[in-house]
């Protein structure tokens, strides 16, 4: 890490500012941080200091702290983009890219051709999934990190982990994948950074899970039950059991929608039959447990999960759910209440205009699809024909396997437990082109210079 001393401070700061602007470019183009329907809930949880039924309070508190108690939401985007830029920069440095400007140009190139700026520039927890994944890689595989850096990374891991309940499964699966690959590929797979690191990660994961525990207790069965409606399992289970078991949901047996969104949020949601959330969780828990005990319904869930994972891997368009949340919406009311100085800026964004946002987002999504296809072909060529990752740097092979595993795990968890949605794919899909760009830089740097 001594290469930092070789660069002038203004060079490093200039490169950092460039990377930060690239990550914020979608928000800058929009005229304001990009918002989603969930943004309203996150703002409310942070300013009301209340854990909601479907999400932890962590990001709400992050918004409140980083907005300086409602002064500006721009500072929230700056903070999360800085965290992402920091861990990507450490990853690239760990792979052997010493120049800060080269690292920033890789980030900028990735931002130009993927949906990355729509992840870092949006006021939802999605940005913390790549932060979590990259932080895990750094802690597991990059040796000789200074103690202060490792301590900071453990803190970033805890923050990112506690942002979303899906991060529990992602962390556990990535740890298991790392252990298995290390076992199978001992000669080529770098050593994990000791059992001490793994134990600290597990301890922090337990702490993060406790932070999310209140929200998890309120809705641990509801969302999976909504997923079961998407694949028809819940409806079939009720058809088979309503005659012999008393479920309140049997009152709506004939009109349960085959849509998770409608099941959860529609004005005429079947969940309206319950008198309390506790009653709902108890009954849905019985239904979920019962469906897992019946081989036919269990197979429906497994086969659906496999199919949904494959489908999710092809869904990564930007702009998913980024509607126009103008006057009369809850989000508009909460911006007016908690960030009143920016209400005019919020009302005059491209996103609020609708077509000014959707048209370019659609064009970028088409470009991204082409870039993804080319990136997969190039990665395949690197591995199958040229074996260039190993020639460039041993850690590049490890990073490639780990990050592609993370993309797959993220798709599997979201598609299998919730639904297929472009937003879920966008969080990590950018990592594939990122790996290709990084590989080209490393290969070019390793190419022997001609003799003069």
Protein backbone atom coordinates (compact mmCIF):
# COMPACT_ATOMS: atom_id res chain seq x y z
CA UNK A 1 0.00 0.00 0.00
CA UNK A 2 3.04 2.24 -0.08
CA UNK A 3 2.19 3.42 -3.56
CA UNK A 4 -0.02 6.11 -2.04
CA UNK A 5 3.03 8.00 -0.87
CA UNK A 6 4.36 8.16 -4.44
CA UNK A 7 1.42 10.25 -5.67
CA UNK A 8 0.87 13.90 -4.87
CA UNK A 9 -2.11 14.60 -2.63
CA UNK A 10 -3.83 16.71 -5.29
CA UNK A 11 -3.52 13.85 -7.80
CA UNK A 12 -5.23 11.43 -5.39
CA UNK A 13 -7.95 13.96 -4.50
CA UNK A 14 -8.53 14.81 -8.15
CA UNK A 15 -8.91 11.13 -9.04
CA UNK A 16 -11.22 10.60 -6.07
CA UNK A 17 -13.40 13.55 -7.07
CA UNK A 18 -13.61 12.24 -10.65
CA UNK A 19 -14.70 8.76 -9.45
CA UNK A 20 -17.24 10.32 -7.10
CA UNK A 21 -18.75 12.45 -9.87
CA UNK A 22 -19.00 9.38 -12.14
CA UNK A 23 -20.87 7.45 -9.46
CA UNK A 24 -23.18 10.43 -8.90
CA UNK A 25 -23.64 11.13 -12.61
CA UNK A 26 -27.19 9.73 -12.82
CA UNK A 27 -28.34 11.87 -9.89
CA UNK A 28 -26.57 14.91 -11.35
CA UNK A 29 -28.22 14.31 -14.74
CA UNK A 30 -31.59 13.89 -13.01
CA UNK A 31 -31.14 17.16 -11.14
CA UNK A 32 -31.64 15.50 -7.77
CA UNK A 33 -31.03 12.11 -6.10
CA UNK A 34 -33.13 9.42 -7.79
CA UNK A 35 -36.05 8.24 -5.66
CA UNK A 36 -38.10 5.08 -5.41
CA UNK A 37 -41.39 4.38 -3.65
CA UNK A 38 -39.45 2.84 -0.73
CA UNK A 39 -37.54 6.11 -0.28
CA UNK A 40 -40.59 7.46 1.53
CA UNK A 41 -40.52 4.65 4.09
CA UNK A 42 -36.79 5.02 4.69
CA UNK A 43 -37.13 8.76 5.30
CA UNK A 44 -40.04 8.18 7.68
CA UNK A 45 -38.23 5.48 9.65
CA UNK A 46 -35.18 7.68 10.14
CA UNK A 47 -37.04 10.80 11.19
CA UNK A 48 -39.70 8.98 13.24
CA UNK A 49 -37.04 6.69 14.77
CA UNK A 50 -39.31 3.74 14.06
CA UNK A 51 -38.51 0.31 12.64
CA UNK A 52 -41.02 -0.48 9.91
CA UNK A 53 -42.60 -3.87 9.28
CA UNK A 54 -40.77 -4.54 6.03
CA UNK A 55 -37.32 -3.02 6.45
CA UNK A 56 -34.68 -2.31 9.14
CA UNK A 57 -34.21 1.19 10.51
CA UNK A 58 -30.53 1.29 9.49
CA UNK A 59 -30.88 3.13 6.17
CA UNK A 60 -33.41 5.52 7.67
CA UNK A 61 -30.85 6.49 10.30
CA UNK A 62 -28.18 6.72 7.59
CA UNK A 63 -30.38 9.17 5.66
CA UNK A 64 -31.04 11.27 8.73
CA UNK A 65 -27.39 11.40 9.77
CA UNK A 66 -25.94 11.98 6.30
CA UNK A 67 -28.62 14.53 5.36
CA UNK A 68 -27.51 16.46 8.45
CA UNK A 69 -30.96 16.08 9.98
CA UNK A 70 -32.79 17.06 6.80
CA UNK A 71 -30.52 19.77 5.43
CA UNK A 72 -29.98 17.98 2.09
CA UNK A 73 -30.40 14.57 0.48
CA UNK A 74 -27.44 15.29 -1.79
CA UNK A 75 -25.10 14.60 1.11
CA UNK A 76 -26.64 11.12 1.47
CA UNK A 77 -25.76 10.34 -2.17
CA UNK A 78 -22.27 11.75 -1.66
CA UNK A 79 -21.74 9.58 1.43
CA UNK A 80 -22.88 6.32 -0.14
CA UNK A 81 -21.00 7.01 -3.38
CA UNK A 82 -17.84 7.72 -1.39
CA UNK A 83 -18.20 4.40 0.45
CA UNK A 84 -18.65 2.55 -2.84
CA UNK A 85 -15.73 4.39 -4.49
CA UNK A 86 -13.54 3.60 -1.48
CA UNK A 87 -14.11 -0.18 -1.52
CA UNK A 88 -13.85 -0.41 -5.33
CA UNK A 89 -10.60 1.57 -5.15
CA UNK A 90 -9.23 -0.81 -2.50
CA UNK A 91 -10.25 -3.79 -4.64
CA UNK A 92 -8.46 -2.41 -7.70
CA UNK A 93 -5.38 -1.58 -5.65
CA UNK A 94 -5.43 -5.11 -4.21
CA UNK A 95 -5.48 -6.43 -7.79
CA UNK A 96 -2.30 -4.48 -8.53
CA UNK A 97 -3.52 -1.21 -10.07
CA UNK A 98 -1.37 1.39 -8.33
CA UNK A 99 -2.33 4.58 -10.14
CA UNK A 100 -5.27 6.38 -8.52
CA UNK A 101 -6.24 7.89 -11.87
CA UNK A 102 -6.27 4.47 -13.52
CA UNK A 103 -8.56 3.20 -10.76
CA UNK A 104 -10.84 6.19 -11.21
CA UNK A 105 -10.93 5.75 -14.99
CA UNK A 106 -11.98 2.11 -14.51
CA UNK A 107 -14.80 3.27 -12.23
CA UNK A 108 -15.74 5.99 -14.72
CA UNK A 109 -15.72 3.60 -17.68
CA UNK A 110 -17.92 1.15 -15.78
CA UNK A 111 -20.32 3.94 -14.84
CA UNK A 112 -20.53 5.09 -18.46
CA UNK A 113 -21.71 1.76 -19.91
CA UNK A 114 -23.68 0.20 -17.03
CA UNK A 115 -26.41 1.05 -14.54
CA UNK A 116 -23.92 1.62 -11.72
CA UNK A 117 -24.70 5.37 -11.30
CA UNK A 118 -28.39 4.51 -10.93
CA UNK A 119 -27.44 2.25 -8.01
CA UNK A 120 -25.18 4.71 -6.19
CA UNK A 121 -27.34 7.74 -7.04
CA UNK A 122 -30.61 6.35 -5.74
CA UNK A 123 -32.04 6.80 -2.24
CA UNK A 124 -32.57 3.13 -1.37
CA UNK A 125 -30.40 0.42 0.16
CA UNK A 126 -29.36 -1.17 -3.17
CA UNK A 127 -25.94 0.52 -3.16
CA UNK A 128 -25.01 -1.34 0.02
CA UNK A 129 -25.21 -4.75 -1.63
CA UNK A 130 -22.09 -4.16 -3.81
CA UNK A 131 -20.43 -2.44 -0.84
CA UNK A 132 -21.09 -5.57 1.23
CA UNK A 133 -19.82 -7.94 -1.48
CA UNK A 134 -16.60 -6.04 -2.22
CA UNK A 135 -15.87 -5.53 1.49
CA UNK A 136 -16.20 -9.28 2.06
CA UNK A 137 -13.75 -9.97 -0.77
CA UNK A 138 -11.24 -7.49 0.64
CA UNK A 139 -11.45 -8.95 4.13
CA UNK A 140 -11.27 -12.55 2.92
CA UNK A 141 -8.57 -12.38 0.26
CA UNK A 142 -6.49 -9.19 0.17
CA UNK A 143 -3.39 -9.61 2.31
CA UNK A 144 -1.31 -6.96 4.06
CA UNK A 145 -4.07 -4.40 4.47
CA UNK A 146 -3.08 -1.92 7.19
CA UNK A 147 -4.75 -2.54 10.54
CA UNK A 148 -6.64 0.77 10.35
CA UNK A 149 -7.96 -0.15 6.91
CA UNK A 150 -9.12 -3.60 8.06
CA UNK A 151 -10.81 -2.05 11.10
CA UNK A 152 -12.59 0.44 8.86
CA UNK A 153 -13.64 -2.37 6.50
CA UNK A 154 -15.15 -4.33 9.39
CA UNK A 155 -17.17 -1.22 10.26
CA UNK A 156 -18.29 -0.79 6.65
CA UNK A 157 -19.27 -4.46 6.54
CA UNK A 158 -21.46 -4.11 9.64
CA UNK A 159 -23.12 -0.98 8.23
CA UNK A 160 -23.79 -2.60 4.85
CA UNK A 161 -24.91 -5.90 6.36
CA UNK A 162 -27.52 -4.23 8.57
CA UNK A 163 -29.07 -2.31 5.68
CA UNK A 164 -31.19 -5.11 4.22
CA UNK A 165 -32.43 -8.51 5.36
CA UNK A 166 -31.27 -10.21 2.15
CA UNK A 167 -27.68 -9.47 3.20
CA UNK A 168 -27.88 -12.22 5.81
CA UNK A 169 -28.28 -14.90 3.15
CA UNK A 170 -25.82 -13.25 0.76
CA UNK A 171 -23.09 -13.14 3.43
CA UNK A 172 -23.61 -16.74 4.53
CA UNK A 173 -23.63 -18.10 0.97
CA UNK A 174 -20.55 -16.12 -0.12
CA UNK A 175 -18.67 -17.34 2.94
CA UNK A 176 -19.62 -20.93 2.16
CA UNK A 177 -18.67 -20.51 -1.52
CA UNK A 178 -15.27 -19.09 -0.51
CA UNK A 179 -14.60 -22.00 1.86
CA UNK A 180 -15.64 -24.61 -0.71
CA UNK A 181 -13.57 -23.08 -3.52
CA UNK A 182 -10.58 -22.74 -1.21
CA UNK A 183 -10.94 -26.41 -0.36
CA UNK A 184 -11.29 -27.57 -3.97
CA UNK A 185 -8.71 -25.24 -5.53
CA UNK A 186 -6.01 -25.04 -2.89
CA UNK A 187 -3.18 -24.64 -5.38
CA UNK A 188 -4.67 -21.69 -7.26
CA UNK A 189 -7.10 -20.19 -4.74
CA UNK A 190 -5.49 -17.69 -2.31
CA UNK A 191 -5.68 -18.46 1.38
CA UNK A 192 -8.53 -16.96 3.30
CA UNK A 193 -7.23 -14.31 5.70
CA UNK A 194 -7.45 -16.61 8.71
CA UNK A 195 -10.18 -17.97 10.90
CA UNK A 196 -9.96 -14.82 13.01
CA UNK A 197 -11.36 -12.79 10.12
CA UNK A 198 -14.16 -15.32 9.60
CA UNK A 199 -15.07 -15.28 13.30
CA UNK A 200 -15.17 -11.47 13.35
CA UNK A 201 -17.41 -11.51 10.25
CA UNK A 202 -19.74 -14.01 11.92
CA UNK A 203 -19.84 -11.97 15.15
CA UNK A 204 -20.62 -8.78 13.22
CA UNK A 205 -23.27 -10.66 11.22
CA UNK A 206 -24.98 -11.69 14.46
CA UNK A 207 -24.86 -8.07 15.66
CA UNK A 208 -26.29 -6.85 12.35
CA UNK A 209 -29.04 -9.46 12.45
CA UNK A 210 -30.01 -8.28 15.93
CA UNK A 211 -30.26 -4.72 14.58
CA UNK A 212 -32.64 -6.00 11.90
CA UNK A 213 -34.42 -8.35 14.32
CA UNK A 214 -37.39 -6.10 15.07
CA UNK A 215 -38.26 -5.78 11.39
CA UNK A 216 -37.59 -9.46 10.77
CA UNK A 217 -39.92 -10.46 13.60
CA UNK A 218 -42.70 -8.33 12.12
CA UNK A 219 -42.60 -9.77 8.60
CA UNK A 220 -40.48 -12.91 8.33
CA UNK A 221 -43.33 -14.99 6.82
CA UNK A 222 -45.36 -12.32 5.03
CA UNK A 223 -42.92 -11.71 2.19
CA UNK A 224 -42.26 -15.35 1.50
CA UNK A 225 -46.01 -15.99 1.52
CA UNK A 226 -46.29 -13.22 -1.10
CA UNK A 227 -43.70 -15.06 -3.17
CA UNK A 228 -45.75 -18.25 -2.84
CA UNK A 229 -48.72 -16.45 -4.37
CA UNK A 230 -46.56 -15.58 -7.42
CA UNK A 231 -45.86 -19.25 -8.12
CA UNK A 232 -49.32 -20.52 -7.15
CA UNK A 233 -48.21 -22.54 -4.12
CA UNK A 234 -50.22 -20.58 -1.55
CA UNK A 235 -53.42 -20.85 -3.58
CA UNK A 236 -52.94 -24.59 -4.08
CA UNK A 237 -52.16 -25.17 -0.40
CA UNK A 238 -55.34 -23.37 0.64
CA UNK A 239 -57.43 -25.30 -1.91
CA UNK A 240 -56.20 -28.53 -0.37
CA UNK A 241 -56.51 -27.51 3.29
CA UNK A 242 -59.33 -24.99 3.71
CA UNK A 243 -61.86 -27.83 4.05
CA UNK A 244 -60.07 -29.28 7.07
CA UNK A 245 -58.15 -26.36 8.61
CA UNK A 246 -59.43 -22.97 9.62
CA UNK A 247 -57.42 -20.21 7.95
CA UNK A 248 -58.69 -16.64 7.88
CA UNK A 249 -57.22 -16.39 4.38
CA UNK A 250 -59.73 -19.01 3.18
CA UNK A 251 -62.29 -16.19 3.04
CA UNK A 252 -60.38 -14.83 0.02
CA UNK A 253 -59.54 -18.17 -1.60
CA UNK A 254 -61.29 -17.36 -4.85
CA UNK A 255 -59.58 -14.00 -5.46
CA UNK A 256 -56.01 -14.28 -4.19
CA UNK A 257 -53.91 -12.52 -6.88
CA UNK A 258 -50.96 -14.33 -8.44
CA UNK A 259 -48.84 -11.25 -7.80
CA UNK A 260 -46.63 -10.56 -4.81
CA UNK A 261 -47.11 -6.80 -5.17
CA UNK A 262 -50.90 -7.06 -5.24
CA UNK A 263 -50.90 -9.56 -2.37
CA UNK A 264 -48.84 -7.19 -0.21
CA UNK A 265 -49.86 -3.70 -1.21
CA UNK A 266 -53.14 -3.58 -3.18
CA UNK A 267 -56.05 -1.73 -1.63
CA UNK A 268 -58.05 -4.97 -1.69
CA UNK A 269 -55.12 -7.14 -0.54
CA UNK A 270 -56.18 -10.52 0.94
CA UNK A 271 -54.10 -9.56 3.99
CA UNK A 272 -56.95 -7.22 5.00
CA UNK A 273 -58.71 -10.28 6.50
CA UNK A 274 -56.34 -10.23 9.49
CA UNK A 275 -57.09 -8.21 12.60
CA UNK A 276 -53.45 -7.76 13.55
CA UNK A 277 -49.98 -8.31 12.19
CA UNK A 278 -49.29 -10.89 14.88
CA UNK A 279 -52.32 -12.93 13.78
CA UNK A 280 -51.18 -12.62 10.16
CA UNK A 281 -47.61 -13.76 10.89
CA UNK A 282 -48.80 -16.78 12.90
CA UNK A 283 -51.16 -17.99 10.17
CA UNK A 284 -48.80 -17.32 7.27
CA UNK A 285 -46.07 -19.11 9.22
CA UNK A 286 -48.28 -22.19 9.44
CA UNK A 287 -49.00 -22.04 5.71
CA UNK A 288 -45.33 -21.60 4.74
CA UNK A 289 -44.22 -24.44 7.03
CA UNK A 290 -46.99 -26.68 5.70
CA UNK A 291 -46.05 -26.01 2.08
CA UNK A 292 -42.45 -27.05 2.76
CA UNK A 293 -43.57 -30.41 4.18
CA UNK A 294 -45.50 -31.48 1.08
CA UNK A 295 -43.20 -32.91 -1.63
CA UNK A 296 -45.28 -31.65 -4.57
CA UNK A 297 -45.42 -28.09 -3.21
CA UNK A 298 -41.75 -28.20 -2.17
CA UNK A 299 -40.77 -29.22 -5.70
CA UNK A 300 -42.85 -26.35 -7.08
CA UNK A 301 -40.83 -23.97 -4.93
CA UNK A 302 -37.46 -25.48 -5.89
CA UNK A 303 -38.17 -25.60 -9.63
CA UNK A 304 -39.62 -22.10 -9.52
CA UNK A 305 -36.52 -20.84 -7.70
CA UNK A 306 -34.21 -22.29 -10.36
CA UNK A 307 -36.27 -20.82 -13.18
CA UNK A 308 -36.62 -17.43 -11.45
CA UNK A 309 -32.88 -17.23 -10.81
CA UNK A 310 -32.13 -17.71 -14.50
CA UNK A 311 -34.73 -15.11 -15.38
CA UNK A 312 -33.39 -12.65 -12.82
CA UNK A 313 -29.89 -12.89 -14.29
CA UNK A 314 -31.25 -11.38 -17.52
CA UNK A 315 -33.14 -8.55 -15.80
CA UNK A 316 -31.02 -5.50 -14.98
CA UNK A 317 -32.66 -2.52 -16.72
CA UNK A 318 -32.32 0.84 -14.99
CA UNK A 319 -35.30 2.98 -14.04
CA UNK A 320 -37.30 0.12 -12.51
CA UNK A 321 -39.84 1.69 -10.14
CA UNK A 322 -38.51 5.23 -10.62
CA UNK A 323 -41.88 6.83 -11.22
CA UNK A 324 -42.99 10.44 -10.85
CA UNK A 325 -43.76 10.89 -7.17
CA UNK A 326 -45.34 14.33 -7.33
CA UNK A 327 -47.92 16.19 -5.30
CA UNK A 328 -50.38 13.94 -3.52
CA UNK A 329 -47.88 11.12 -3.00
CA UNK A 330 -46.53 10.17 0.41
CA UNK A 331 -42.95 10.69 -0.74
CA UNK A 332 -43.69 14.25 -1.85
CA UNK A 333 -45.31 14.98 1.52
CA UNK A 334 -42.31 13.65 3.41
CA UNK A 335 -39.81 15.59 1.31
CA UNK A 336 -41.85 18.71 2.04
CA UNK A 337 -41.95 17.88 5.76
CA UNK A 338 -38.38 16.75 6.41
CA UNK A 339 -36.30 18.34 3.61
CA UNK A 340 -38.36 21.47 2.84
CA UNK A 341 -35.43 23.47 1.45
CA UNK A 342 -35.12 21.03 -1.48
CA UNK A 343 -38.78 20.61 -2.38
CA UNK A 344 -38.49 22.91 -5.41
CA UNK A 345 -35.44 21.01 -6.69
CA UNK A 346 -37.27 17.73 -6.13
CA UNK A 347 -40.30 18.95 -8.11
CA UNK A 348 -38.19 19.96 -11.10
CA UNK A 349 -36.20 16.79 -11.77
CA UNK A 350 -36.22 14.74 -14.95
CA UNK A 351 -37.78 11.96 -12.95
CA UNK A 352 -40.80 14.11 -12.12
CA UNK A 353 -41.17 14.94 -15.83
CA UNK A 354 -41.54 11.24 -16.63
CA UNK A 355 -40.57 10.96 -20.31
CA UNK A 356 -37.37 12.97 -19.82
CA UNK A 357 -36.26 10.24 -17.42
CA UNK A 358 -37.76 7.09 -18.93
CA UNK A 359 -36.51 7.63 -22.49
CA UNK A 360 -32.80 7.92 -21.64
CA UNK A 361 -33.15 5.13 -19.03
CA UNK A 362 -34.55 2.82 -21.71
CA UNK A 363 -31.71 3.71 -24.10
CA UNK A 364 -29.10 3.07 -21.40
CA UNK A 365 -30.73 -0.28 -20.59
CA UNK A 366 -30.44 -1.33 -24.24
CA UNK A 367 -26.78 -0.27 -24.32
CA UNK A 368 -26.21 -2.11 -21.06
CA UNK A 369 -27.69 -5.31 -22.51
CA UNK A 370 -25.24 -5.18 -25.44
CA UNK A 371 -22.34 -4.40 -23.08
CA UNK A 372 -23.30 -7.32 -20.84
CA UNK A 373 -23.44 -9.77 -23.74
CA UNK A 374 -20.03 -8.64 -25.02
CA UNK A 375 -18.59 -8.73 -21.50
CA UNK A 376 -19.70 -12.32 -20.95
CA UNK A 377 -18.18 -13.34 -24.29
CA UNK A 378 -14.89 -11.65 -23.44
CA UNK A 379 -14.75 -13.19 -19.97
CA UNK A 380 -15.44 -16.57 -21.50
CA UNK A 381 -12.64 -16.02 -24.02
CA UNK A 382 -10.24 -14.99 -21.24
CA UNK A 383 -10.94 -18.12 -19.26
CA UNK A 384 -11.48 -20.79 -21.88
CA UNK A 385 -8.92 -19.86 -24.51
CA UNK A 386 -6.36 -17.43 -23.24
CA UNK A 387 -6.36 -17.97 -19.44
CA UNK A 388 -5.43 -14.32 -19.16
CA UNK A 389 -6.70 -13.64 -15.63
CA UNK A 390 -4.07 -15.92 -14.11
CA UNK A 391 -1.36 -14.34 -16.26
CA UNK A 392 -2.41 -10.83 -15.29
CA UNK A 393 -2.54 -11.39 -11.52
CA UNK A 394 -3.53 -14.37 -9.35
CA UNK A 395 -6.05 -12.26 -7.45
CA UNK A 396 -7.93 -11.42 -10.65
CA UNK A 397 -9.03 -15.04 -10.99
CA UNK A 398 -10.22 -15.04 -7.38
CA UNK A 399 -12.05 -11.73 -7.82
CA UNK A 400 -13.71 -12.92 -11.02
CA UNK A 401 -15.03 -16.11 -9.43
CA UNK A 402 -16.10 -14.33 -6.24
CA UNK A 403 -17.90 -11.43 -7.94
CA UNK A 404 -19.68 -13.65 -10.49
CA UNK A 405 -20.74 -15.87 -7.58
CA UNK A 406 -22.09 -12.78 -5.83
CA UNK A 407 -24.09 -11.77 -8.93
CA UNK A 408 -25.61 -15.27 -9.05
CA UNK A 409 -26.30 -15.45 -5.31
CA UNK A 410 -27.96 -12.03 -5.34
CA UNK A 411 -30.19 -13.09 -8.25
CA UNK A 412 -31.09 -16.40 -6.58
CA UNK A 413 -32.01 -14.87 -3.22
CA UNK A 414 -34.12 -12.04 -4.57
CA UNK A 415 -35.87 -14.08 -7.27
CA UNK A 416 -36.43 -17.13 -5.07
CA UNK A 417 -37.65 -15.35 -1.96
CA UNK A 418 -39.38 -12.28 -3.38
CA UNK A 419 -39.81 -11.80 -7.14
CA UNK A 420 -37.94 -11.13 -10.39
CA UNK A 421 -37.30 -7.39 -10.80
CA UNK A 422 -34.85 -5.33 -12.85
CA UNK A 423 -33.85 -3.35 -9.77
CA UNK A 424 -32.56 -6.47 -8.03
CA UNK A 425 -30.34 -7.33 -10.98
CA UNK A 426 -29.03 -3.81 -11.47
CA UNK A 427 -27.40 -3.83 -8.02
CA UNK A 428 -24.60 -6.17 -9.11
CA UNK A 429 -24.88 -6.69 -12.89
CA UNK A 430 -22.35 -3.88 -13.47
CA UNK A 431 -19.65 -6.11 -11.94
CA UNK A 432 -19.39 -8.18 -15.14
CA UNK A 433 -18.29 -5.27 -17.41
CA UNK A 434 -16.19 -3.99 -14.51
CA UNK A 435 -14.25 -7.27 -14.48
CA UNK A 436 -13.66 -7.06 -18.23
CA UNK A 437 -12.37 -3.48 -18.07
CA UNK A 438 -10.16 -4.33 -15.11
CA UNK A 439 -8.81 -7.42 -16.90
CA UNK A 440 -7.84 -5.35 -19.95
CA UNK A 441 -5.97 -2.85 -17.78
CA UNK A 442 -4.11 -5.56 -15.87
CA UNK A 443 -3.23 -7.47 -19.03
CA UNK A 444 -1.94 -4.29 -20.65
CA UNK A 445 0.13 -3.45 -17.58
CA UNK A 446 1.63 -6.96 -17.52
CA UNK A 447 2.55 -6.94 -21.21
CA UNK A 448 6.36 -6.71 -21.56
CA UNK A 449 7.64 -3.42 -22.89
CA UNK A 450 9.61 -3.51 -26.15
CA UNK A 451 13.40 -3.19 -25.89
CA UNK A 452 14.77 0.11 -27.05
